[in-house]
Amino acid sequence: MPACPPRAVVVMGVSGSGKSTVGELLARRQNWAFVEGDSFHSAENHAKMRAGVPLTDEDRASWLEALGLELARLAAGGVVLSCSALKRAYRQQLRSHVPGLTFIWLEVGRDAAHRRVAGRGDRHFFPATLIDSQFATLEPPRDEAGLLHLDSERALEELLAHATDWLQRTPHAHS
């Protein structure tokens, strides 16, 4: 059976890595749906983060479940999700909803992430003071299948070109 291109991909990384920007533009290029993972957080999670309190695994559980369901709902037509997906267990939970789910990891340095998040000002609920907690939680997906690893400090157009090319070449299991 010939490989078919992926229909669902998660653009992941710590806050400030460019997940939303890359994800939205990539979805537009693919003519797929775009899902902003942050919009699925509960009001309680948003309040915690605004207050500078890192989320726990328990805080993220229902959020990840909702994202997995949304991925499954939209995968047939193509979907790009922006989601931190910091831990292997989080990624596994998302994969349980869409077998063969692929990930694009936008790796960013701590200083660049801090600078980017601080530059958002009040336009975003996530404060720069939480950057260190994101790096502490991150379990890099270096050895996981279905992964494109990109340096998010590269030019946006370069990131999009690499991601688009990779999506065309990467096999994907359809459920």
N, C-alpha and C. Protein backbone atom coordinates (compact mmCIF):
# COMPACT_ATOMS: atom_id res chain seq x y z
N MET A 1 0.85 -1.18 0.00
CA MET A 1 0.00 0.00 0.00
C MET A 1 0.89 1.24 0.00
N PRO A 2 0.67 2.19 -0.90
CA PRO A 2 1.51 3.39 -0.93
C PRO A 2 1.27 4.26 0.30
N ALA A 3 2.31 4.96 0.69
CA ALA A 3 2.19 5.86 1.84
C ALA A 3 1.33 7.05 1.45
N CYS A 4 0.52 7.49 2.38
CA CYS A 4 -0.27 8.70 2.15
C CYS A 4 0.27 9.78 3.08
N PRO A 5 0.10 11.02 2.70
CA PRO A 5 0.63 12.08 3.55
C PRO A 5 -0.12 12.17 4.87
N PRO A 6 0.53 12.68 5.89
CA PRO A 6 -0.14 12.81 7.18
C PRO A 6 -1.34 13.75 7.07
N ARG A 7 -2.33 13.47 7.88
CA ARG A 7 -3.53 14.29 7.89
C ARG A 7 -3.67 15.00 9.24
N ALA A 8 -2.83 14.67 10.18
CA ALA A 8 -2.88 15.32 11.50
C ALA A 8 -1.45 15.48 12.00
N VAL A 9 -1.12 16.67 12.43
CA VAL A 9 0.21 16.95 12.94
C VAL A 9 0.09 17.93 14.11
N VAL A 10 0.94 17.74 15.10
CA VAL A 10 1.01 18.63 16.25
C VAL A 10 2.31 19.43 16.14
N VAL A 11 2.21 20.74 16.19
CA VAL A 11 3.38 21.60 16.27
C VAL A 11 3.60 21.86 17.75
N MET A 12 4.71 21.35 18.28
CA MET A 12 4.93 21.34 19.72
C MET A 12 6.20 22.08 20.11
N GLY A 13 6.28 22.41 21.40
CA GLY A 13 7.46 23.06 21.96
C GLY A 13 7.05 23.91 23.15
N VAL A 14 8.05 24.44 23.81
CA VAL A 14 7.79 25.30 24.97
C VAL A 14 7.15 26.60 24.50
N SER A 15 6.59 27.33 25.42
CA SER A 15 6.01 28.63 25.11
C SER A 15 7.10 29.53 24.52
N GLY A 16 6.75 30.23 23.46
CA GLY A 16 7.72 31.10 22.81
C GLY A 16 8.46 30.43 21.67
N SER A 17 8.16 29.16 21.39
CA SER A 17 8.86 28.46 20.31
C SER A 17 8.29 28.79 18.93
N GLY A 18 7.10 29.36 18.89
CA GLY A 18 6.49 29.71 17.61
C GLY A 18 5.44 28.73 17.15
N LYS A 19 4.94 27.91 18.06
CA LYS A 19 3.95 26.87 17.71
C LYS A 19 2.73 27.43 17.00
N SER A 20 2.14 28.46 17.55
CA SER A 20 0.91 29.01 16.98
C SER A 20 1.16 29.64 15.63
N THR A 21 2.21 30.40 15.50
CA THR A 21 2.53 31.06 14.23
C THR A 21 2.80 30.04 13.14
N VAL A 22 3.72 29.11 13.42
CA VAL A 22 4.07 28.08 12.44
C VAL A 22 2.85 27.20 12.16
N GLY A 23 2.15 26.79 13.20
CA GLY A 23 1.00 25.92 13.03
C GLY A 23 -0.08 26.53 12.16
N GLU A 24 -0.42 27.77 12.43
CA GLU A 24 -1.48 28.42 11.67
C GLU A 24 -1.09 28.60 10.20
N LEU A 25 0.14 29.02 9.96
CA LEU A 25 0.59 29.21 8.58
C LEU A 25 0.73 27.87 7.84
N LEU A 26 1.19 26.85 8.54
CA LEU A 26 1.31 25.52 7.94
C LEU A 26 -0.07 24.98 7.58
N ALA A 27 -1.03 25.13 8.47
CA ALA A 27 -2.40 24.68 8.19
C ALA A 27 -2.95 25.40 6.96
N ARG A 28 -2.69 26.67 6.86
CA ARG A 28 -3.17 27.44 5.71
C ARG A 28 -2.54 26.90 4.41
N ARG A 29 -1.23 26.62 4.45
CA ARG A 29 -0.55 26.08 3.27
C ARG A 29 -1.10 24.72 2.86
N GLN A 30 -1.47 23.91 3.84
CA GLN A 30 -1.96 22.57 3.57
C GLN A 30 -3.46 22.56 3.27
N ASN A 31 -4.11 23.70 3.49
CA ASN A 31 -5.57 23.80 3.39
C ASN A 31 -6.23 22.85 4.39
N TRP A 32 -5.69 22.84 5.60
CA TRP A 32 -6.18 22.02 6.69
C TRP A 32 -6.75 22.93 7.78
N ALA A 33 -7.47 22.34 8.70
CA ALA A 33 -7.95 23.08 9.87
C ALA A 33 -6.78 23.39 10.78
N PHE A 34 -6.89 24.47 11.51
CA PHE A 34 -5.90 24.81 12.54
C PHE A 34 -6.60 24.85 13.89
N VAL A 35 -6.00 24.19 14.87
CA VAL A 35 -6.53 24.18 16.23
C VAL A 35 -5.49 24.80 17.15
N GLU A 36 -5.87 25.88 17.79
CA GLU A 36 -5.01 26.55 18.78
C GLU A 36 -5.22 25.85 20.12
N GLY A 37 -4.22 25.08 20.53
CA GLY A 37 -4.33 24.30 21.76
C GLY A 37 -4.65 25.12 22.99
N ASP A 38 -4.11 26.33 23.07
CA ASP A 38 -4.34 27.17 24.25
C ASP A 38 -5.82 27.48 24.45
N SER A 39 -6.59 27.52 23.36
CA SER A 39 -8.01 27.87 23.49
C SER A 39 -8.82 26.74 24.14
N PHE A 40 -8.22 25.56 24.31
CA PHE A 40 -8.90 24.44 24.93
C PHE A 40 -8.62 24.34 26.44
N HIS A 41 -7.74 25.21 26.95
CA HIS A 41 -7.49 25.21 28.41
C HIS A 41 -8.73 25.70 29.14
N SER A 42 -8.95 25.16 30.32
CA SER A 42 -10.06 25.62 31.16
C SER A 42 -9.77 27.03 31.68
N ALA A 43 -10.81 27.68 32.15
CA ALA A 43 -10.64 29.00 32.77
C ALA A 43 -9.72 28.91 33.98
N GLU A 44 -9.80 27.79 34.70
CA GLU A 44 -8.93 27.59 35.87
C GLU A 44 -7.47 27.51 35.45
N ASN A 45 -7.19 26.78 34.36
CA ASN A 45 -5.81 26.68 33.88
C ASN A 45 -5.28 28.04 33.43
N HIS A 46 -6.11 28.78 32.71
CA HIS A 46 -5.70 30.12 32.27
C HIS A 46 -5.40 31.00 33.48
N ALA A 47 -6.24 30.93 34.51
CA ALA A 47 -6.03 31.76 35.70
C ALA A 47 -4.74 31.37 36.41
N LYS A 48 -4.47 30.08 36.52
CA LYS A 48 -3.23 29.63 37.16
C LYS A 48 -2.01 30.18 36.42
N MET A 49 -2.04 30.04 35.09
CA MET A 49 -0.88 30.50 34.32
C MET A 49 -0.73 32.01 34.40
N ARG A 50 -1.83 32.74 34.30
CA ARG A 50 -1.75 34.21 34.45
C ARG A 50 -1.12 34.61 35.78
N ALA A 51 -1.40 33.81 36.81
CA ALA A 51 -0.86 34.08 38.15
C ALA A 51 0.57 33.58 38.30
N GLY A 52 1.13 32.98 37.24
CA GLY A 52 2.51 32.51 37.29
C GLY A 52 2.66 31.15 37.94
N VAL A 53 1.58 30.38 38.00
CA VAL A 53 1.61 29.04 38.61
C VAL A 53 1.69 28.00 37.49
N PRO A 54 2.74 27.18 37.48
CA PRO A 54 2.86 26.15 36.44
C PRO A 54 1.73 25.12 36.55
N LEU A 55 1.31 24.60 35.40
CA LEU A 55 0.28 23.57 35.39
C LEU A 55 0.89 22.22 35.78
N THR A 56 0.07 21.39 36.39
CA THR A 56 0.47 20.04 36.77
C THR A 56 -0.06 19.05 35.72
N ASP A 57 0.37 17.79 35.85
CA ASP A 57 -0.16 16.75 34.97
C ASP A 57 -1.68 16.67 35.13
N GLU A 58 -2.15 16.80 36.34
CA GLU A 58 -3.60 16.75 36.60
C GLU A 58 -4.32 17.90 35.90
N ASP A 59 -3.72 19.10 35.94
CA ASP A 59 -4.31 20.25 35.25
C ASP A 59 -4.42 20.01 33.75
N ARG A 60 -3.43 19.33 33.20
CA ARG A 60 -3.37 19.14 31.75
C ARG A 60 -4.20 17.95 31.25
N ALA A 61 -4.61 17.05 32.12
CA ALA A 61 -5.26 15.80 31.69
C ALA A 61 -6.51 16.04 30.85
N SER A 62 -7.45 16.83 31.34
CA SER A 62 -8.70 17.05 30.58
C SER A 62 -8.43 17.89 29.33
N TRP A 63 -7.47 18.78 29.40
CA TRP A 63 -7.06 19.58 28.24
C TRP A 63 -6.55 18.67 27.13
N LEU A 64 -5.66 17.76 27.47
CA LEU A 64 -5.11 16.85 26.47
C LEU A 64 -6.20 15.94 25.90
N GLU A 65 -7.11 15.50 26.74
CA GLU A 65 -8.22 14.67 26.27
C GLU A 65 -9.07 15.43 25.26
N ALA A 66 -9.39 16.66 25.56
CA ALA A 66 -10.18 17.48 24.63
C ALA A 66 -9.43 17.69 23.31
N LEU A 67 -8.13 17.91 23.39
CA LEU A 67 -7.33 18.09 22.18
C LEU A 67 -7.30 16.81 21.36
N GLY A 68 -7.16 15.67 22.02
CA GLY A 68 -7.15 14.39 21.31
C GLY A 68 -8.46 14.15 20.58
N LEU A 69 -9.55 14.46 21.22
CA LEU A 69 -10.86 14.30 20.59
C LEU A 69 -11.01 15.23 19.39
N GLU A 70 -10.53 16.44 19.51
CA GLU A 70 -10.60 17.41 18.41
C GLU A 70 -9.72 16.96 17.24
N LEU A 71 -8.53 16.44 17.54
CA LEU A 71 -7.66 15.91 16.49
C LEU A 71 -8.37 14.78 15.74
N ALA A 72 -8.96 13.85 16.47
CA ALA A 72 -9.64 12.71 15.86
C ALA A 72 -10.81 13.18 14.99
N ARG A 73 -11.52 14.18 15.46
CA ARG A 73 -12.67 14.70 14.73
C ARG A 73 -12.26 15.32 13.40
N LEU A 74 -11.10 15.97 13.36
CA LEU A 74 -10.70 16.73 12.18
C LEU A 74 -9.66 16.04 11.30
N ALA A 75 -9.10 14.93 11.74
CA ALA A 75 -7.98 14.30 11.04
C ALA A 75 -8.29 13.92 9.59
N ALA A 76 -9.48 13.45 9.32
CA ALA A 76 -9.81 13.02 7.96
C ALA A 76 -9.66 14.14 6.94
N GLY A 77 -9.94 15.36 7.35
CA GLY A 77 -9.82 16.50 6.46
C GLY A 77 -8.49 17.22 6.55
N GLY A 78 -7.65 16.80 7.50
CA GLY A 78 -6.37 17.44 7.72
C GLY A 78 -6.45 18.47 8.83
N VAL A 79 -5.52 18.38 9.80
CA VAL A 79 -5.54 19.28 10.94
C VAL A 79 -4.13 19.51 11.46
N VAL A 80 -3.85 20.73 11.84
CA VAL A 80 -2.61 21.11 12.53
C VAL A 80 -3.02 21.64 13.90
N LEU A 81 -2.42 21.07 14.94
CA LEU A 81 -2.68 21.50 16.32
C LEU A 81 -1.42 22.12 16.89
N SER A 82 -1.56 23.29 17.51
CA SER A 82 -0.45 23.86 18.29
C SER A 82 -0.67 23.44 19.74
N CYS A 83 0.33 22.77 20.29
CA CYS A 83 0.22 22.24 21.66
C CYS A 83 1.62 22.02 22.20
N SER A 84 1.86 22.42 23.42
CA SER A 84 3.20 22.27 23.99
C SER A 84 3.64 20.81 24.00
N ALA A 85 2.75 19.87 24.34
CA ALA A 85 3.05 18.44 24.33
C ALA A 85 4.42 18.15 24.95
N LEU A 86 4.66 18.72 26.12
CA LEU A 86 5.99 18.71 26.71
C LEU A 86 6.50 17.34 27.14
N LYS A 87 5.62 16.46 27.55
CA LYS A 87 6.05 15.14 28.04
C LYS A 87 5.66 14.04 27.07
N ARG A 88 6.46 12.96 27.11
CA ARG A 88 6.16 11.80 26.28
C ARG A 88 4.75 11.28 26.56
N ALA A 89 4.33 11.26 27.82
CA ALA A 89 2.99 10.77 28.17
C ALA A 89 1.91 11.64 27.54
N TYR A 90 2.14 12.93 27.43
CA TYR A 90 1.16 13.83 26.80
C TYR A 90 1.05 13.48 25.31
N ARG A 91 2.20 13.27 24.68
CA ARG A 91 2.21 12.94 23.26
C ARG A 91 1.53 11.59 23.03
N GLN A 92 1.77 10.65 23.93
CA GLN A 92 1.13 9.34 23.82
C GLN A 92 -0.39 9.46 23.95
N GLN A 93 -0.83 10.32 24.85
CA GLN A 93 -2.27 10.52 25.02
C GLN A 93 -2.87 11.06 23.72
N LEU A 94 -2.21 11.99 23.08
CA LEU A 94 -2.70 12.52 21.80
C LEU A 94 -2.67 11.44 20.72
N ARG A 95 -1.59 10.64 20.68
CA ARG A 95 -1.48 9.57 19.69
C ARG A 95 -2.57 8.51 19.88
N SER A 96 -3.05 8.34 21.10
CA SER A 96 -4.08 7.34 21.33
C SER A 96 -5.38 7.69 20.60
N HIS A 97 -5.55 8.94 20.26
CA HIS A 97 -6.75 9.39 19.54
C HIS A 97 -6.56 9.33 18.02
N VAL A 98 -5.32 9.48 17.57
CA VAL A 98 -5.02 9.49 16.14
C VAL A 98 -3.78 8.64 15.91
N PRO A 99 -3.96 7.37 15.63
CA PRO A 99 -2.80 6.51 15.36
C PRO A 99 -1.97 7.08 14.22
N GLY A 100 -0.66 7.07 14.38
CA GLY A 100 0.22 7.63 13.37
C GLY A 100 0.37 9.13 13.43
N LEU A 101 -0.15 9.75 14.49
CA LEU A 101 -0.02 11.20 14.66
C LEU A 101 1.44 11.60 14.58
N THR A 102 1.71 12.67 13.85
CA THR A 102 3.07 13.16 13.72
C THR A 102 3.24 14.46 14.50
N PHE A 103 4.49 14.78 14.80
CA PHE A 103 4.83 15.96 15.58
C PHE A 103 5.94 16.74 14.91
N ILE A 104 5.83 18.05 14.96
CA ILE A 104 6.91 18.95 14.57
C ILE A 104 7.35 19.65 15.84
N TRP A 105 8.58 19.36 16.27
CA TRP A 105 9.10 19.95 17.49
C TRP A 105 9.90 21.19 17.14
N LEU A 106 9.42 22.33 17.60
CA LEU A 106 10.12 23.60 17.42
C LEU A 106 10.98 23.82 18.65
N GLU A 107 12.25 23.51 18.53
CA GLU A 107 13.15 23.68 19.67
C GLU A 107 13.67 25.11 19.68
N VAL A 108 13.64 25.69 20.87
CA VAL A 108 14.07 27.07 21.03
C VAL A 108 14.95 27.15 22.28
N GLY A 109 15.93 28.03 22.26
CA GLY A 109 16.77 28.24 23.44
C GLY A 109 16.01 28.98 24.52
N ARG A 110 16.43 28.79 25.75
CA ARG A 110 15.76 29.41 26.89
C ARG A 110 15.74 30.93 26.78
N ASP A 111 16.85 31.54 26.39
CA ASP A 111 16.90 33.00 26.29
C ASP A 111 15.95 33.52 25.21
N ALA A 112 15.94 32.85 24.06
CA ALA A 112 15.05 33.28 22.98
C ALA A 112 13.58 33.10 23.39
N ALA A 113 13.25 31.99 24.04
CA ALA A 113 11.87 31.76 24.49
C ALA A 113 11.45 32.86 25.47
N HIS A 114 12.33 33.16 26.41
CA HIS A 114 12.03 34.19 27.40
C HIS A 114 11.81 35.54 26.72
N ARG A 115 12.69 35.88 25.81
CA ARG A 115 12.60 37.16 25.10
C ARG A 115 11.30 37.24 24.30
N ARG A 116 10.94 36.17 23.60
CA ARG A 116 9.71 36.17 22.80
C ARG A 116 8.47 36.31 23.68
N VAL A 117 8.42 35.53 24.76
CA VAL A 117 7.24 35.58 25.63
C VAL A 117 7.14 36.94 26.33
N ALA A 118 8.27 37.46 26.79
CA ALA A 118 8.26 38.77 27.43
C ALA A 118 7.81 39.85 26.45
N GLY A 119 8.13 39.67 25.17
CA GLY A 119 7.76 40.64 24.14
C GLY A 119 6.27 40.67 23.83
N ARG A 120 5.54 39.67 24.27
CA ARG A 120 4.08 39.64 24.03
C ARG A 120 3.34 40.64 24.91
N GLY A 121 3.94 40.97 26.03
CA GLY A 121 3.28 41.87 26.97
C GLY A 121 2.00 41.27 27.49
N ASP A 122 0.95 42.06 27.55
CA ASP A 122 -0.34 41.62 28.07
C ASP A 122 -1.22 40.96 27.01
N ARG A 123 -0.70 40.80 25.80
CA ARG A 123 -1.50 40.20 24.72
C ARG A 123 -1.71 38.70 24.93
N HIS A 124 -0.99 38.09 25.83
CA HIS A 124 -1.07 36.64 26.03
C HIS A 124 -1.13 36.34 27.52
N PHE A 125 -1.81 35.27 27.87
CA PHE A 125 -2.00 34.92 29.28
C PHE A 125 -0.77 34.31 29.92
N PHE A 126 0.19 33.82 29.13
CA PHE A 126 1.33 33.09 29.65
C PHE A 126 2.48 34.04 29.96
N PRO A 127 2.87 34.16 31.23
CA PRO A 127 3.95 35.09 31.58
C PRO A 127 5.34 34.48 31.37
N ALA A 128 6.30 35.33 31.09
CA ALA A 128 7.68 34.89 30.88
C ALA A 128 8.26 34.20 32.12
N THR A 129 7.70 34.47 33.29
CA THR A 129 8.20 33.85 34.53
C THR A 129 7.99 32.33 34.52
N LEU A 130 7.13 31.82 33.64
CA LEU A 130 6.87 30.37 33.58
C LEU A 130 7.77 29.63 32.59
N ILE A 131 8.62 30.35 31.88
CA ILE A 131 9.49 29.70 30.88
C ILE A 131 10.34 28.61 31.51
N ASP A 132 10.95 28.89 32.65
CA ASP A 132 11.81 27.88 33.29
C ASP A 132 11.03 26.61 33.62
N SER A 133 9.77 26.74 34.03
CA SER A 133 8.98 25.55 34.35
C SER A 133 8.70 24.74 33.08
N GLN A 134 8.56 25.39 31.95
CA GLN A 134 8.35 24.67 30.69
C GLN A 134 9.59 23.84 30.33
N PHE A 135 10.75 24.44 30.47
CA PHE A 135 11.99 23.71 30.18
C PHE A 135 12.21 22.58 31.19
N ALA A 136 11.81 22.78 32.43
CA ALA A 136 11.95 21.72 33.44
C ALA A 136 11.02 20.54 33.14
N THR A 137 9.87 20.82 32.58
CA THR A 137 8.89 19.77 32.26
C THR A 137 9.21 19.06 30.95
N LEU A 138 9.84 19.75 30.02
CA LEU A 138 10.08 19.22 28.68
C LEU A 138 10.86 17.90 28.70
N GLU A 139 10.28 16.89 28.06
CA GLU A 139 10.97 15.63 27.76
C GLU A 139 11.16 15.62 26.26
N PRO A 140 12.36 16.02 25.80
CA PRO A 140 12.58 16.13 24.35
C PRO A 140 12.24 14.83 23.63
N PRO A 141 11.52 14.93 22.51
CA PRO A 141 11.08 13.74 21.80
C PRO A 141 12.10 13.20 20.80
N ARG A 142 13.36 13.34 21.09
CA ARG A 142 14.43 13.01 20.14
C ARG A 142 14.33 11.60 19.55
N ASP A 143 13.89 10.62 20.31
CA ASP A 143 13.90 9.23 19.84
C ASP A 143 12.51 8.73 19.45
N GLU A 144 11.57 9.61 19.24
CA GLU A 144 10.21 9.21 18.91
C GLU A 144 10.01 9.20 17.39
N ALA A 145 9.20 8.24 16.92
CA ALA A 145 8.89 8.14 15.50
C ALA A 145 7.92 9.25 15.11
N GLY A 146 7.88 9.54 13.82
CA GLY A 146 6.94 10.53 13.31
C GLY A 146 7.22 11.93 13.81
N LEU A 147 8.50 12.31 13.80
CA LEU A 147 8.91 13.59 14.37
C LEU A 147 9.80 14.35 13.42
N LEU A 148 9.51 15.61 13.25
CA LEU A 148 10.40 16.55 12.57
C LEU A 148 10.90 17.51 13.63
N HIS A 149 12.22 17.62 13.76
CA HIS A 149 12.85 18.50 14.75
C HIS A 149 13.39 19.72 14.01
N LEU A 150 12.92 20.90 14.39
CA LEU A 150 13.36 22.14 13.75
C LEU A 150 13.86 23.13 14.79
N ASP A 151 14.85 23.91 14.41
CA ASP A 151 15.36 24.99 15.24
C ASP A 151 14.46 26.20 15.01
N SER A 152 13.66 26.53 16.01
CA SER A 152 12.66 27.59 15.82
C SER A 152 13.27 28.99 15.71
N GLU A 153 14.56 29.08 15.87
CA GLU A 153 15.20 30.38 15.71
C GLU A 153 15.59 30.65 14.25
N ARG A 154 15.28 29.69 13.37
CA ARG A 154 15.50 29.87 11.93
C ARG A 154 14.39 30.78 11.38
N ALA A 155 14.56 31.22 10.17
CA ALA A 155 13.56 32.09 9.53
C ALA A 155 12.24 31.35 9.37
N LEU A 156 11.15 32.06 9.56
CA LEU A 156 9.82 31.48 9.48
C LEU A 156 9.60 30.77 8.15
N GLU A 157 9.97 31.39 7.06
CA GLU A 157 9.76 30.78 5.74
C GLU A 157 10.55 29.48 5.61
N GLU A 158 11.73 29.42 6.18
CA GLU A 158 12.53 28.19 6.15
C GLU A 158 11.84 27.08 6.96
N LEU A 159 11.32 27.43 8.12
CA LEU A 159 10.60 26.45 8.94
C LEU A 159 9.39 25.90 8.18
N LEU A 160 8.64 26.78 7.56
CA LEU A 160 7.45 26.36 6.81
C LEU A 160 7.82 25.49 5.62
N ALA A 161 8.88 25.82 4.93
CA ALA A 161 9.32 25.02 3.78
C ALA A 161 9.72 23.62 4.22
N HIS A 162 10.49 23.52 5.30
CA HIS A 162 10.90 22.20 5.81
C HIS A 162 9.69 21.39 6.26
N ALA A 163 8.78 22.04 6.97
CA ALA A 163 7.60 21.33 7.48
C ALA A 163 6.70 20.86 6.34
N THR A 164 6.48 21.71 5.35
CA THR A 164 5.64 21.34 4.21
C THR A 164 6.24 20.17 3.45
N ASP A 165 7.53 20.23 3.19
CA ASP A 165 8.21 19.15 2.49
C ASP A 165 8.12 17.85 3.29
N TRP A 166 8.35 17.93 4.58
CA TRP A 166 8.30 16.75 5.45
C TRP A 166 6.91 16.13 5.47
N LEU A 167 5.88 16.95 5.54
CA LEU A 167 4.52 16.44 5.54
C LEU A 167 4.21 15.68 4.24
N GLN A 168 4.76 16.13 3.14
CA GLN A 168 4.51 15.46 1.86
C GLN A 168 5.22 14.12 1.78
N ARG A 169 6.34 13.98 2.49
CA ARG A 169 7.15 12.76 2.41
C ARG A 169 6.87 11.76 3.52
N THR A 170 6.17 12.16 4.58
CA THR A 170 6.03 11.32 5.77
C THR A 170 4.78 10.45 5.70
N PRO A 171 4.97 9.12 5.81
CA PRO A 171 3.80 8.24 5.83
C PRO A 171 2.98 8.47 7.11
N HIS A 172 1.71 8.17 7.00
CA HIS A 172 0.81 8.38 8.13
C HIS A 172 -0.20 7.25 8.18
N ALA A 173 -0.39 6.70 9.34
CA ALA A 173 -1.40 5.65 9.50
C ALA A 173 -2.77 6.29 9.59
N HIS A 174 -3.69 5.80 8.83
CA HIS A 174 -5.07 6.30 8.89
C HIS A 174 -5.91 5.34 9.70
N SER A 175 -6.75 5.89 10.54
CA SER A 175 -7.60 5.01 11.36
C SER A 175 -8.88 4.67 10.63
